[in-house]
Amino acid sequence: MSASVITRTQDYSMDRLMHEMSREQVLEVFSDLPAPGPQELDGEYAGHTFDGGDLELRAKRHAFFFDETSERGAWVGKAYTSDQDGEGEGHNIFRRAGGQLVRNYRFRTEIAKSPFDGRCSLMMYYRAYDNDLGAIDLLDEIRRLADGTYLGIYSATMGIDGFSLLKPGN
């Protein structure tokens, strides 16, 4: 898994993006980023969750994402493969108590226009496969922040406390 410190025009450290900037500020950064190249994401990537410094949200996200004793385990990140056109698939990686890694919640990927702002992102469609995240029509989007470092947003047709926001129109 890889994670790196982010450097662009401004210093967007992982801590600043995930825990200090507001949701609106992070969405503004996201809006300015390019989609990754068609085969750019290949392999496993460490994941981080946003809380904007909101300690109540941090506690909810921590309980949802990072409990190794939960049914799914603690979220570690994502893995991707893609073809030359940028279409592919991936899955989420979780660590269970005792250190066992589990790969779950498969998704289909493609470079496509975002419902968020109409610009291209690497889109992750969970509904392409039979899983709990597909049942709520979870949609993840990724854009390149720096070499090897990506910023993502997500939404679903059902809000889950500590996890997802509703998709526009729901």
N, C-alpha and C. Protein backbone atom coordinates (compact mmCIF):
# COMPACT_ATOMS: atom_id res chain seq x y z
N MET A 1 0.84 -1.16 0.00
CA MET A 1 0.00 0.00 0.00
C MET A 1 0.89 1.23 0.00
N SER A 2 0.46 2.27 -0.68
CA SER A 2 1.26 3.49 -0.67
C SER A 2 0.42 4.69 -0.31
N ALA A 3 1.02 5.57 0.42
CA ALA A 3 0.42 6.88 0.71
C ALA A 3 1.58 7.86 0.70
N SER A 4 1.35 9.05 0.27
CA SER A 4 2.44 10.01 0.23
C SER A 4 1.95 11.38 0.65
N VAL A 5 2.91 12.21 1.00
CA VAL A 5 2.58 13.59 1.32
C VAL A 5 2.29 14.30 0.02
N ILE A 6 1.33 15.17 0.02
CA ILE A 6 0.85 15.81 -1.19
C ILE A 6 1.48 17.18 -1.34
N THR A 7 2.00 17.49 -2.51
CA THR A 7 2.53 18.83 -2.76
C THR A 7 2.01 19.31 -4.10
N ARG A 8 1.33 20.46 -4.10
CA ARG A 8 0.87 21.12 -5.32
C ARG A 8 1.14 22.60 -5.13
N THR A 9 0.35 23.43 -5.75
CA THR A 9 0.51 24.87 -5.60
C THR A 9 0.48 25.23 -4.12
N GLN A 10 -0.43 24.65 -3.38
CA GLN A 10 -0.49 24.82 -1.94
C GLN A 10 -0.07 23.51 -1.30
N ASP A 11 0.26 23.54 -0.04
CA ASP A 11 0.68 22.33 0.67
C ASP A 11 -0.56 21.58 1.16
N TYR A 12 -1.00 20.60 0.40
CA TYR A 12 -2.15 19.79 0.79
C TYR A 12 -1.64 18.52 1.44
N SER A 13 -1.24 18.58 2.69
CA SER A 13 -0.84 17.37 3.39
C SER A 13 -2.09 16.52 3.61
N MET A 14 -1.88 15.23 3.81
CA MET A 14 -3.01 14.34 4.05
C MET A 14 -3.79 14.81 5.29
N ASP A 15 -3.07 15.21 6.33
CA ASP A 15 -3.74 15.65 7.55
C ASP A 15 -4.57 16.90 7.29
N ARG A 16 -4.03 17.84 6.52
CA ARG A 16 -4.77 19.07 6.21
C ARG A 16 -6.05 18.75 5.43
N LEU A 17 -5.92 17.93 4.40
CA LEU A 17 -7.09 17.58 3.58
C LEU A 17 -8.15 16.82 4.37
N MET A 18 -7.74 15.86 5.15
CA MET A 18 -8.69 14.98 5.82
C MET A 18 -9.24 15.55 7.12
N HIS A 19 -8.45 16.39 7.83
CA HIS A 19 -8.86 16.77 9.18
C HIS A 19 -8.91 18.27 9.45
N GLU A 20 -8.42 19.10 8.53
CA GLU A 20 -8.40 20.54 8.80
C GLU A 20 -9.26 21.35 7.85
N MET A 21 -9.34 20.96 6.60
CA MET A 21 -10.11 21.72 5.61
C MET A 21 -11.60 21.37 5.74
N SER A 22 -12.45 22.32 5.38
CA SER A 22 -13.89 22.07 5.38
C SER A 22 -14.26 21.19 4.18
N ARG A 23 -15.44 20.62 4.25
CA ARG A 23 -15.95 19.82 3.13
C ARG A 23 -15.96 20.65 1.86
N GLU A 24 -16.41 21.89 1.96
CA GLU A 24 -16.48 22.77 0.79
C GLU A 24 -15.09 23.04 0.21
N GLN A 25 -14.09 23.23 1.08
CA GLN A 25 -12.72 23.45 0.61
C GLN A 25 -12.17 22.23 -0.11
N VAL A 26 -12.43 21.05 0.45
CA VAL A 26 -11.94 19.82 -0.18
C VAL A 26 -12.64 19.60 -1.52
N LEU A 27 -13.94 19.88 -1.59
CA LEU A 27 -14.67 19.74 -2.86
C LEU A 27 -14.14 20.74 -3.90
N GLU A 28 -13.73 21.91 -3.46
CA GLU A 28 -13.13 22.89 -4.37
C GLU A 28 -11.80 22.38 -4.92
N VAL A 29 -10.99 21.78 -4.06
CA VAL A 29 -9.73 21.17 -4.52
C VAL A 29 -10.05 20.06 -5.52
N PHE A 30 -11.00 19.18 -5.16
CA PHE A 30 -11.38 18.07 -6.03
C PHE A 30 -11.81 18.58 -7.40
N SER A 31 -12.59 19.65 -7.43
CA SER A 31 -13.11 20.21 -8.69
C SER A 31 -12.01 20.67 -9.63
N ASP A 32 -10.86 20.98 -9.10
CA ASP A 32 -9.75 21.50 -9.90
C ASP A 32 -8.78 20.41 -10.36
N LEU A 33 -9.00 19.18 -9.94
CA LEU A 33 -8.05 18.10 -10.23
C LEU A 33 -8.39 17.37 -11.52
N PRO A 34 -7.37 16.77 -12.18
CA PRO A 34 -7.62 15.97 -13.37
C PRO A 34 -7.96 14.52 -13.02
N ALA A 35 -8.64 13.87 -13.92
CA ALA A 35 -8.87 12.43 -13.78
C ALA A 35 -7.53 11.72 -13.95
N PRO A 36 -7.36 10.57 -13.31
CA PRO A 36 -6.14 9.80 -13.57
C PRO A 36 -6.16 9.28 -15.00
N GLY A 37 -5.00 8.92 -15.51
CA GLY A 37 -4.91 8.33 -16.84
C GLY A 37 -5.59 6.97 -16.88
N PRO A 38 -5.85 6.44 -18.09
CA PRO A 38 -6.62 5.21 -18.24
C PRO A 38 -6.08 4.00 -17.47
N GLN A 39 -4.77 3.82 -17.38
CA GLN A 39 -4.22 2.68 -16.67
C GLN A 39 -3.40 3.10 -15.46
N GLU A 40 -3.60 4.31 -15.01
CA GLU A 40 -2.78 4.87 -13.94
C GLU A 40 -2.95 4.15 -12.61
N LEU A 41 -4.16 3.87 -12.22
CA LEU A 41 -4.36 3.17 -10.96
C LEU A 41 -4.28 1.67 -11.23
N ASP A 42 -3.22 1.07 -10.73
CA ASP A 42 -2.98 -0.36 -10.91
C ASP A 42 -2.27 -0.83 -9.65
N GLY A 43 -2.95 -1.61 -8.85
CA GLY A 43 -2.37 -2.08 -7.60
C GLY A 43 -3.21 -1.68 -6.42
N GLU A 44 -2.57 -1.69 -5.25
CA GLU A 44 -3.26 -1.40 -4.00
C GLU A 44 -2.85 -0.04 -3.47
N TYR A 45 -3.83 0.68 -2.90
CA TYR A 45 -3.62 2.04 -2.42
C TYR A 45 -4.22 2.18 -1.03
N ALA A 46 -3.48 2.83 -0.12
CA ALA A 46 -3.97 3.09 1.23
C ALA A 46 -5.10 4.09 1.18
N GLY A 47 -6.05 3.97 2.07
CA GLY A 47 -7.18 4.88 2.12
C GLY A 47 -7.20 5.69 3.41
N HIS A 48 -7.78 6.87 3.31
CA HIS A 48 -7.94 7.78 4.44
C HIS A 48 -9.37 8.31 4.38
N THR A 49 -9.91 8.71 5.52
CA THR A 49 -11.27 9.25 5.53
C THR A 49 -11.28 10.69 6.01
N PHE A 50 -12.20 11.46 5.46
CA PHE A 50 -12.36 12.88 5.75
C PHE A 50 -13.26 13.08 6.96
N ASP A 51 -12.89 14.05 7.82
CA ASP A 51 -13.79 14.48 8.88
C ASP A 51 -13.80 15.99 9.07
N GLY A 52 -12.92 16.69 8.38
CA GLY A 52 -12.91 18.15 8.44
C GLY A 52 -12.69 18.72 9.83
N GLY A 53 -12.12 17.93 10.73
CA GLY A 53 -11.89 18.40 12.09
C GLY A 53 -13.09 18.26 13.01
N ASP A 54 -14.20 17.73 12.49
CA ASP A 54 -15.41 17.53 13.27
C ASP A 54 -15.22 16.25 14.11
N LEU A 55 -15.05 16.41 15.42
CA LEU A 55 -14.74 15.26 16.28
C LEU A 55 -15.88 14.26 16.35
N GLU A 56 -17.13 14.73 16.27
CA GLU A 56 -18.28 13.81 16.27
C GLU A 56 -18.27 12.98 14.98
N LEU A 57 -18.04 13.62 13.85
CA LEU A 57 -17.97 12.89 12.58
C LEU A 57 -16.77 11.95 12.59
N ARG A 58 -15.65 12.39 13.13
CA ARG A 58 -14.46 11.53 13.21
C ARG A 58 -14.79 10.26 13.98
N ALA A 59 -15.50 10.39 15.10
CA ALA A 59 -15.86 9.21 15.90
C ALA A 59 -16.78 8.28 15.11
N LYS A 60 -17.76 8.85 14.38
CA LYS A 60 -18.66 8.02 13.56
C LYS A 60 -17.90 7.31 12.45
N ARG A 61 -17.03 8.05 11.77
CA ARG A 61 -16.27 7.45 10.68
C ARG A 61 -15.31 6.39 11.22
N HIS A 62 -14.70 6.67 12.36
CA HIS A 62 -13.78 5.69 12.95
C HIS A 62 -14.53 4.40 13.28
N ALA A 63 -15.72 4.53 13.89
CA ALA A 63 -16.52 3.35 14.23
C ALA A 63 -16.94 2.59 12.97
N PHE A 64 -17.29 3.33 11.91
CA PHE A 64 -17.76 2.68 10.68
C PHE A 64 -16.60 2.04 9.91
N PHE A 65 -15.50 2.77 9.74
CA PHE A 65 -14.43 2.33 8.85
C PHE A 65 -13.32 1.51 9.52
N PHE A 66 -13.05 1.72 10.79
CA PHE A 66 -11.79 1.20 11.34
C PHE A 66 -11.94 0.24 12.51
N ASP A 67 -13.06 -0.45 12.60
CA ASP A 67 -13.27 -1.43 13.65
C ASP A 67 -12.91 -2.82 13.12
N GLU A 68 -11.74 -3.31 13.53
CA GLU A 68 -11.29 -4.63 13.06
C GLU A 68 -12.20 -5.76 13.50
N THR A 69 -13.01 -5.54 14.54
CA THR A 69 -13.89 -6.59 15.03
C THR A 69 -15.26 -6.58 14.35
N SER A 70 -15.53 -5.58 13.49
CA SER A 70 -16.81 -5.54 12.79
C SER A 70 -16.85 -6.64 11.72
N GLU A 71 -18.04 -6.87 11.18
CA GLU A 71 -18.21 -7.90 10.16
C GLU A 71 -17.27 -7.70 8.98
N ARG A 72 -17.10 -6.46 8.54
CA ARG A 72 -16.25 -6.20 7.39
C ARG A 72 -14.80 -6.01 7.76
N GLY A 73 -14.51 -5.56 9.01
CA GLY A 73 -13.15 -5.28 9.44
C GLY A 73 -12.82 -3.80 9.26
N ALA A 74 -11.57 -3.45 9.46
CA ALA A 74 -11.10 -2.08 9.33
C ALA A 74 -10.69 -1.82 7.88
N TRP A 75 -11.21 -0.73 7.31
CA TRP A 75 -10.90 -0.40 5.92
C TRP A 75 -9.44 0.03 5.82
N VAL A 76 -8.72 -0.58 4.87
CA VAL A 76 -7.30 -0.29 4.64
C VAL A 76 -7.13 0.55 3.38
N GLY A 77 -7.92 0.25 2.35
CA GLY A 77 -7.80 1.00 1.10
C GLY A 77 -8.51 0.27 -0.03
N LYS A 78 -8.01 0.51 -1.26
CA LYS A 78 -8.63 -0.06 -2.46
C LYS A 78 -7.57 -0.65 -3.38
N ALA A 79 -8.00 -1.54 -4.24
CA ALA A 79 -7.13 -2.12 -5.27
C ALA A 79 -7.81 -1.95 -6.62
N TYR A 80 -6.99 -1.72 -7.66
CA TYR A 80 -7.50 -1.44 -9.01
C TYR A 80 -6.73 -2.22 -10.06
N THR A 81 -7.44 -2.56 -11.13
CA THR A 81 -6.84 -3.02 -12.39
C THR A 81 -7.62 -2.33 -13.50
N SER A 82 -6.98 -2.09 -14.64
CA SER A 82 -7.71 -1.49 -15.76
C SER A 82 -7.07 -1.86 -17.08
N ASP A 83 -7.86 -1.71 -18.15
CA ASP A 83 -7.34 -1.97 -19.48
C ASP A 83 -6.88 -0.65 -20.11
N GLN A 84 -6.46 -0.71 -21.37
CA GLN A 84 -5.92 0.49 -22.03
C GLN A 84 -6.94 1.60 -22.22
N ASP A 85 -8.23 1.27 -22.16
CA ASP A 85 -9.27 2.30 -22.30
C ASP A 85 -9.69 2.88 -20.95
N GLY A 86 -9.10 2.37 -19.88
CA GLY A 86 -9.44 2.88 -18.55
C GLY A 86 -10.60 2.18 -17.90
N GLU A 87 -11.10 1.13 -18.52
CA GLU A 87 -12.17 0.36 -17.89
C GLU A 87 -11.54 -0.79 -17.12
N GLY A 88 -12.10 -1.09 -15.97
CA GLY A 88 -11.54 -2.16 -15.17
C GLY A 88 -12.42 -2.47 -13.99
N GLU A 89 -11.77 -2.88 -12.93
CA GLU A 89 -12.51 -3.20 -11.72
C GLU A 89 -11.59 -3.04 -10.52
N GLY A 90 -12.18 -3.19 -9.37
CA GLY A 90 -11.42 -3.09 -8.14
C GLY A 90 -12.22 -3.61 -6.98
N HIS A 91 -11.64 -3.47 -5.81
CA HIS A 91 -12.31 -3.89 -4.59
C HIS A 91 -11.71 -3.13 -3.41
N ASN A 92 -12.39 -3.19 -2.30
CA ASN A 92 -11.92 -2.58 -1.06
C ASN A 92 -11.15 -3.63 -0.27
N ILE A 93 -10.20 -3.18 0.52
CA ILE A 93 -9.38 -4.06 1.34
C ILE A 93 -9.65 -3.73 2.80
N PHE A 94 -9.89 -4.78 3.58
CA PHE A 94 -10.17 -4.63 5.01
C PHE A 94 -9.23 -5.53 5.80
N ARG A 95 -8.91 -5.10 7.02
CA ARG A 95 -8.10 -5.90 7.93
C ARG A 95 -8.98 -6.30 9.11
N ARG A 96 -9.00 -7.59 9.38
CA ARG A 96 -9.77 -8.10 10.52
C ARG A 96 -8.83 -8.29 11.70
N ALA A 97 -9.44 -8.44 12.87
CA ALA A 97 -8.65 -8.70 14.08
C ALA A 97 -7.72 -9.88 13.81
N GLY A 98 -6.50 -9.79 14.23
CA GLY A 98 -5.52 -10.83 13.95
C GLY A 98 -4.71 -10.54 12.71
N GLY A 99 -5.07 -9.49 11.97
CA GLY A 99 -4.28 -9.07 10.81
C GLY A 99 -4.69 -9.65 9.47
N GLN A 100 -5.70 -10.51 9.43
CA GLN A 100 -6.14 -11.10 8.16
C GLN A 100 -6.69 -10.01 7.24
N LEU A 101 -6.20 -9.98 5.98
CA LEU A 101 -6.73 -9.04 4.99
C LEU A 101 -7.84 -9.70 4.19
N VAL A 102 -8.93 -8.95 4.00
CA VAL A 102 -10.08 -9.44 3.26
C VAL A 102 -10.37 -8.45 2.14
N ARG A 103 -10.61 -8.96 0.94
CA ARG A 103 -10.95 -8.12 -0.21
C ARG A 103 -12.44 -8.27 -0.47
N ASN A 104 -13.14 -7.13 -0.49
CA ASN A 104 -14.59 -7.17 -0.51
C ASN A 104 -15.14 -5.96 -1.25
N TYR A 105 -16.43 -5.95 -1.52
CA TYR A 105 -17.12 -4.83 -2.15
C TYR A 105 -16.49 -4.46 -3.49
N ARG A 106 -16.61 -5.38 -4.40
CA ARG A 106 -16.08 -5.20 -5.75
C ARG A 106 -16.83 -4.10 -6.50
N PHE A 107 -16.12 -3.42 -7.40
CA PHE A 107 -16.72 -2.36 -8.20
C PHE A 107 -16.13 -2.38 -9.61
N ARG A 108 -16.89 -1.85 -10.56
CA ARG A 108 -16.43 -1.67 -11.95
C ARG A 108 -15.93 -0.24 -12.08
N THR A 109 -14.90 -0.04 -12.90
CA THR A 109 -14.34 1.31 -13.06
C THR A 109 -14.33 1.74 -14.52
N GLU A 110 -14.38 3.05 -14.71
CA GLU A 110 -14.17 3.67 -16.01
C GLU A 110 -13.90 5.15 -15.80
N ILE A 111 -13.25 5.76 -16.77
CA ILE A 111 -13.09 7.21 -16.77
C ILE A 111 -14.37 7.76 -17.41
N ALA A 112 -15.09 8.59 -16.67
CA ALA A 112 -16.38 9.11 -17.15
C ALA A 112 -16.68 10.44 -16.48
N LYS A 113 -17.72 11.10 -16.99
CA LYS A 113 -18.12 12.39 -16.42
C LYS A 113 -18.75 12.20 -15.05
N SER A 114 -18.40 13.09 -14.16
CA SER A 114 -18.88 13.07 -12.79
C SER A 114 -20.27 13.70 -12.68
N PRO A 115 -21.18 13.09 -11.93
CA PRO A 115 -22.46 13.76 -11.66
C PRO A 115 -22.27 14.95 -10.72
N PHE A 116 -21.13 15.01 -10.05
CA PHE A 116 -20.83 16.11 -9.12
C PHE A 116 -20.59 17.41 -9.88
N ASP A 117 -19.73 17.39 -10.92
CA ASP A 117 -19.40 18.63 -11.61
C ASP A 117 -19.26 18.49 -13.13
N GLY A 118 -19.56 17.30 -13.68
CA GLY A 118 -19.52 17.11 -15.12
C GLY A 118 -18.13 16.91 -15.71
N ARG A 119 -17.09 16.97 -14.89
CA ARG A 119 -15.72 16.74 -15.36
C ARG A 119 -15.37 15.27 -15.18
N CYS A 120 -14.37 14.80 -15.89
CA CYS A 120 -14.00 13.38 -15.83
C CYS A 120 -13.34 13.00 -14.51
N SER A 121 -13.68 11.82 -14.05
CA SER A 121 -13.10 11.19 -12.87
C SER A 121 -12.96 9.70 -13.17
N LEU A 122 -12.19 9.00 -12.37
CA LEU A 122 -12.25 7.55 -12.38
C LEU A 122 -13.46 7.19 -11.53
N MET A 123 -14.48 6.64 -12.17
CA MET A 123 -15.75 6.32 -11.50
C MET A 123 -15.72 4.86 -11.05
N MET A 124 -16.25 4.61 -9.85
CA MET A 124 -16.35 3.26 -9.29
C MET A 124 -17.82 2.95 -9.05
N TYR A 125 -18.32 1.97 -9.79
CA TYR A 125 -19.74 1.60 -9.75
C TYR A 125 -19.89 0.29 -8.98
N TYR A 126 -20.37 0.38 -7.75
CA TYR A 126 -20.56 -0.81 -6.93
C TYR A 126 -21.77 -1.61 -7.39
N ARG A 127 -22.77 -0.95 -7.99
CA ARG A 127 -23.98 -1.65 -8.41
C ARG A 127 -23.72 -2.65 -9.55
N ALA A 128 -22.54 -2.59 -10.15
CA ALA A 128 -22.20 -3.53 -11.21
C ALA A 128 -22.06 -4.96 -10.68
N TYR A 129 -21.92 -5.09 -9.35
CA TYR A 129 -21.76 -6.41 -8.73
C TYR A 129 -22.74 -6.52 -7.56
N ASP A 130 -23.04 -7.74 -7.20
CA ASP A 130 -23.98 -8.01 -6.11
C ASP A 130 -23.27 -7.87 -4.77
N ASN A 131 -23.42 -6.69 -4.15
CA ASN A 131 -22.87 -6.49 -2.81
C ASN A 131 -23.68 -5.40 -2.11
N ASP A 132 -23.45 -5.25 -0.81
CA ASP A 132 -24.23 -4.29 -0.02
C ASP A 132 -24.06 -2.85 -0.51
N LEU A 133 -22.88 -2.50 -0.98
CA LEU A 133 -22.66 -1.13 -1.45
C LEU A 133 -23.33 -0.89 -2.79
N GLY A 134 -23.46 -1.93 -3.60
CA GLY A 134 -24.21 -1.82 -4.84
C GLY A 134 -25.69 -1.62 -4.58
N ALA A 135 -26.19 -2.22 -3.50
CA ALA A 135 -27.61 -2.10 -3.15
C ALA A 135 -27.99 -0.65 -2.80
N ILE A 136 -27.03 0.15 -2.31
CA ILE A 136 -27.32 1.56 -2.02
C ILE A 136 -26.78 2.46 -3.14
N ASP A 137 -26.40 1.83 -4.27
CA ASP A 137 -25.91 2.54 -5.45
C ASP A 137 -24.76 3.49 -5.10
N LEU A 138 -23.80 2.96 -4.32
CA LEU A 138 -22.63 3.77 -3.96
C LEU A 138 -21.85 4.10 -5.22
N LEU A 139 -21.42 5.34 -5.31
CA LEU A 139 -20.62 5.82 -6.43
C LEU A 139 -19.42 6.55 -5.87
N ASP A 140 -18.23 6.03 -6.13
CA ASP A 140 -16.97 6.68 -5.75
C ASP A 140 -16.37 7.34 -6.98
N GLU A 141 -15.66 8.44 -6.78
CA GLU A 141 -14.94 9.12 -7.85
C GLU A 141 -13.53 9.44 -7.36
N ILE A 142 -12.57 9.29 -8.25
CA ILE A 142 -11.17 9.57 -7.90
C ILE A 142 -10.57 10.52 -8.93
N ARG A 143 -9.79 11.49 -8.42
CA ARG A 143 -8.99 12.37 -9.28
C ARG A 143 -7.57 12.44 -8.72
N ARG A 144 -6.62 12.74 -9.60
CA ARG A 144 -5.20 12.76 -9.21
C ARG A 144 -4.86 14.07 -8.51
N LEU A 145 -4.30 13.94 -7.31
CA LEU A 145 -3.84 15.09 -6.56
C LEU A 145 -2.35 15.31 -6.80
N ALA A 146 -1.60 14.23 -6.82
CA ALA A 146 -0.16 14.24 -7.09
C ALA A 146 0.20 12.83 -7.54
N ASP A 147 1.41 12.64 -8.06
CA ASP A 147 1.80 11.30 -8.49
C ASP A 147 1.61 10.30 -7.35
N GLY A 148 0.78 9.28 -7.59
CA GLY A 148 0.54 8.24 -6.61
C GLY A 148 -0.42 8.60 -5.49
N THR A 149 -0.98 9.81 -5.52
CA THR A 149 -1.90 10.24 -4.47
C THR A 149 -3.17 10.78 -5.12
N TYR A 150 -4.31 10.32 -4.63
CA TYR A 150 -5.59 10.61 -5.26
C TYR A 150 -6.58 11.11 -4.22
N LEU A 151 -7.51 11.91 -4.67
CA LEU A 151 -8.56 12.43 -3.80
C LEU A 151 -9.88 11.91 -4.34
N GLY A 152 -10.71 11.39 -3.46
CA GLY A 152 -11.98 10.83 -3.89
C GLY A 152 -13.16 11.41 -3.14
N ILE A 153 -14.31 11.31 -3.77
CA ILE A 153 -15.57 11.66 -3.14
C ILE A 153 -16.53 10.49 -3.37
N TYR A 154 -17.59 10.44 -2.60
CA TYR A 154 -18.56 9.37 -2.78
C TYR A 154 -19.94 9.82 -2.35
N SER A 155 -20.93 9.15 -2.91
CA SER A 155 -22.32 9.40 -2.57
C SER A 155 -23.11 8.12 -2.82
N ALA A 156 -24.32 8.09 -2.31
CA ALA A 156 -25.17 6.91 -2.47
C ALA A 156 -26.63 7.35 -2.47
N THR A 157 -27.52 6.43 -2.83
CA THR A 157 -28.95 6.75 -2.83
C THR A 157 -29.54 6.68 -1.44
N MET A 158 -28.76 6.19 -0.48
CA MET A 158 -29.21 6.11 0.90
C MET A 158 -28.10 6.65 1.78
N GLY A 159 -28.41 7.62 2.64
CA GLY A 159 -27.41 8.14 3.55
C GLY A 159 -27.18 7.17 4.69
N ILE A 160 -25.92 6.94 5.03
CA ILE A 160 -25.57 6.07 6.16
C ILE A 160 -24.76 6.92 7.13
N ASP A 161 -25.23 7.03 8.35
CA ASP A 161 -24.60 7.87 9.35
C ASP A 161 -23.11 7.51 9.49
N GLY A 162 -22.26 8.51 9.36
CA GLY A 162 -20.83 8.29 9.46
C GLY A 162 -20.19 7.82 8.17
N PHE A 163 -20.98 7.60 7.12
CA PHE A 163 -20.43 7.09 5.88
C PHE A 163 -20.76 7.96 4.69
N SER A 164 -21.94 7.82 4.13
CA SER A 164 -22.21 8.44 2.84
C SER A 164 -23.23 9.55 2.90
N LEU A 165 -23.10 10.44 1.93
CA LEU A 165 -24.09 11.48 1.70
C LEU A 165 -25.03 11.01 0.59
N LEU A 166 -26.20 11.61 0.52
CA LEU A 166 -27.14 11.26 -0.54
C LEU A 166 -26.65 11.79 -1.87
N LYS A 167 -26.91 11.03 -2.92
CA LYS A 167 -26.65 11.51 -4.27
C LYS A 167 -27.57 12.69 -4.57
N PRO A 168 -27.13 13.61 -5.42
CA PRO A 168 -28.02 14.71 -5.81
C PRO A 168 -29.35 14.15 -6.34
N GLY A 169 -30.45 14.73 -5.91
CA GLY A 169 -31.76 14.30 -6.38
C GLY A 169 -32.41 13.22 -5.52
N ASN A 170 -31.69 12.72 -4.51
CA ASN A 170 -32.26 11.68 -3.62
C ASN A 170 -32.57 12.24 -2.26
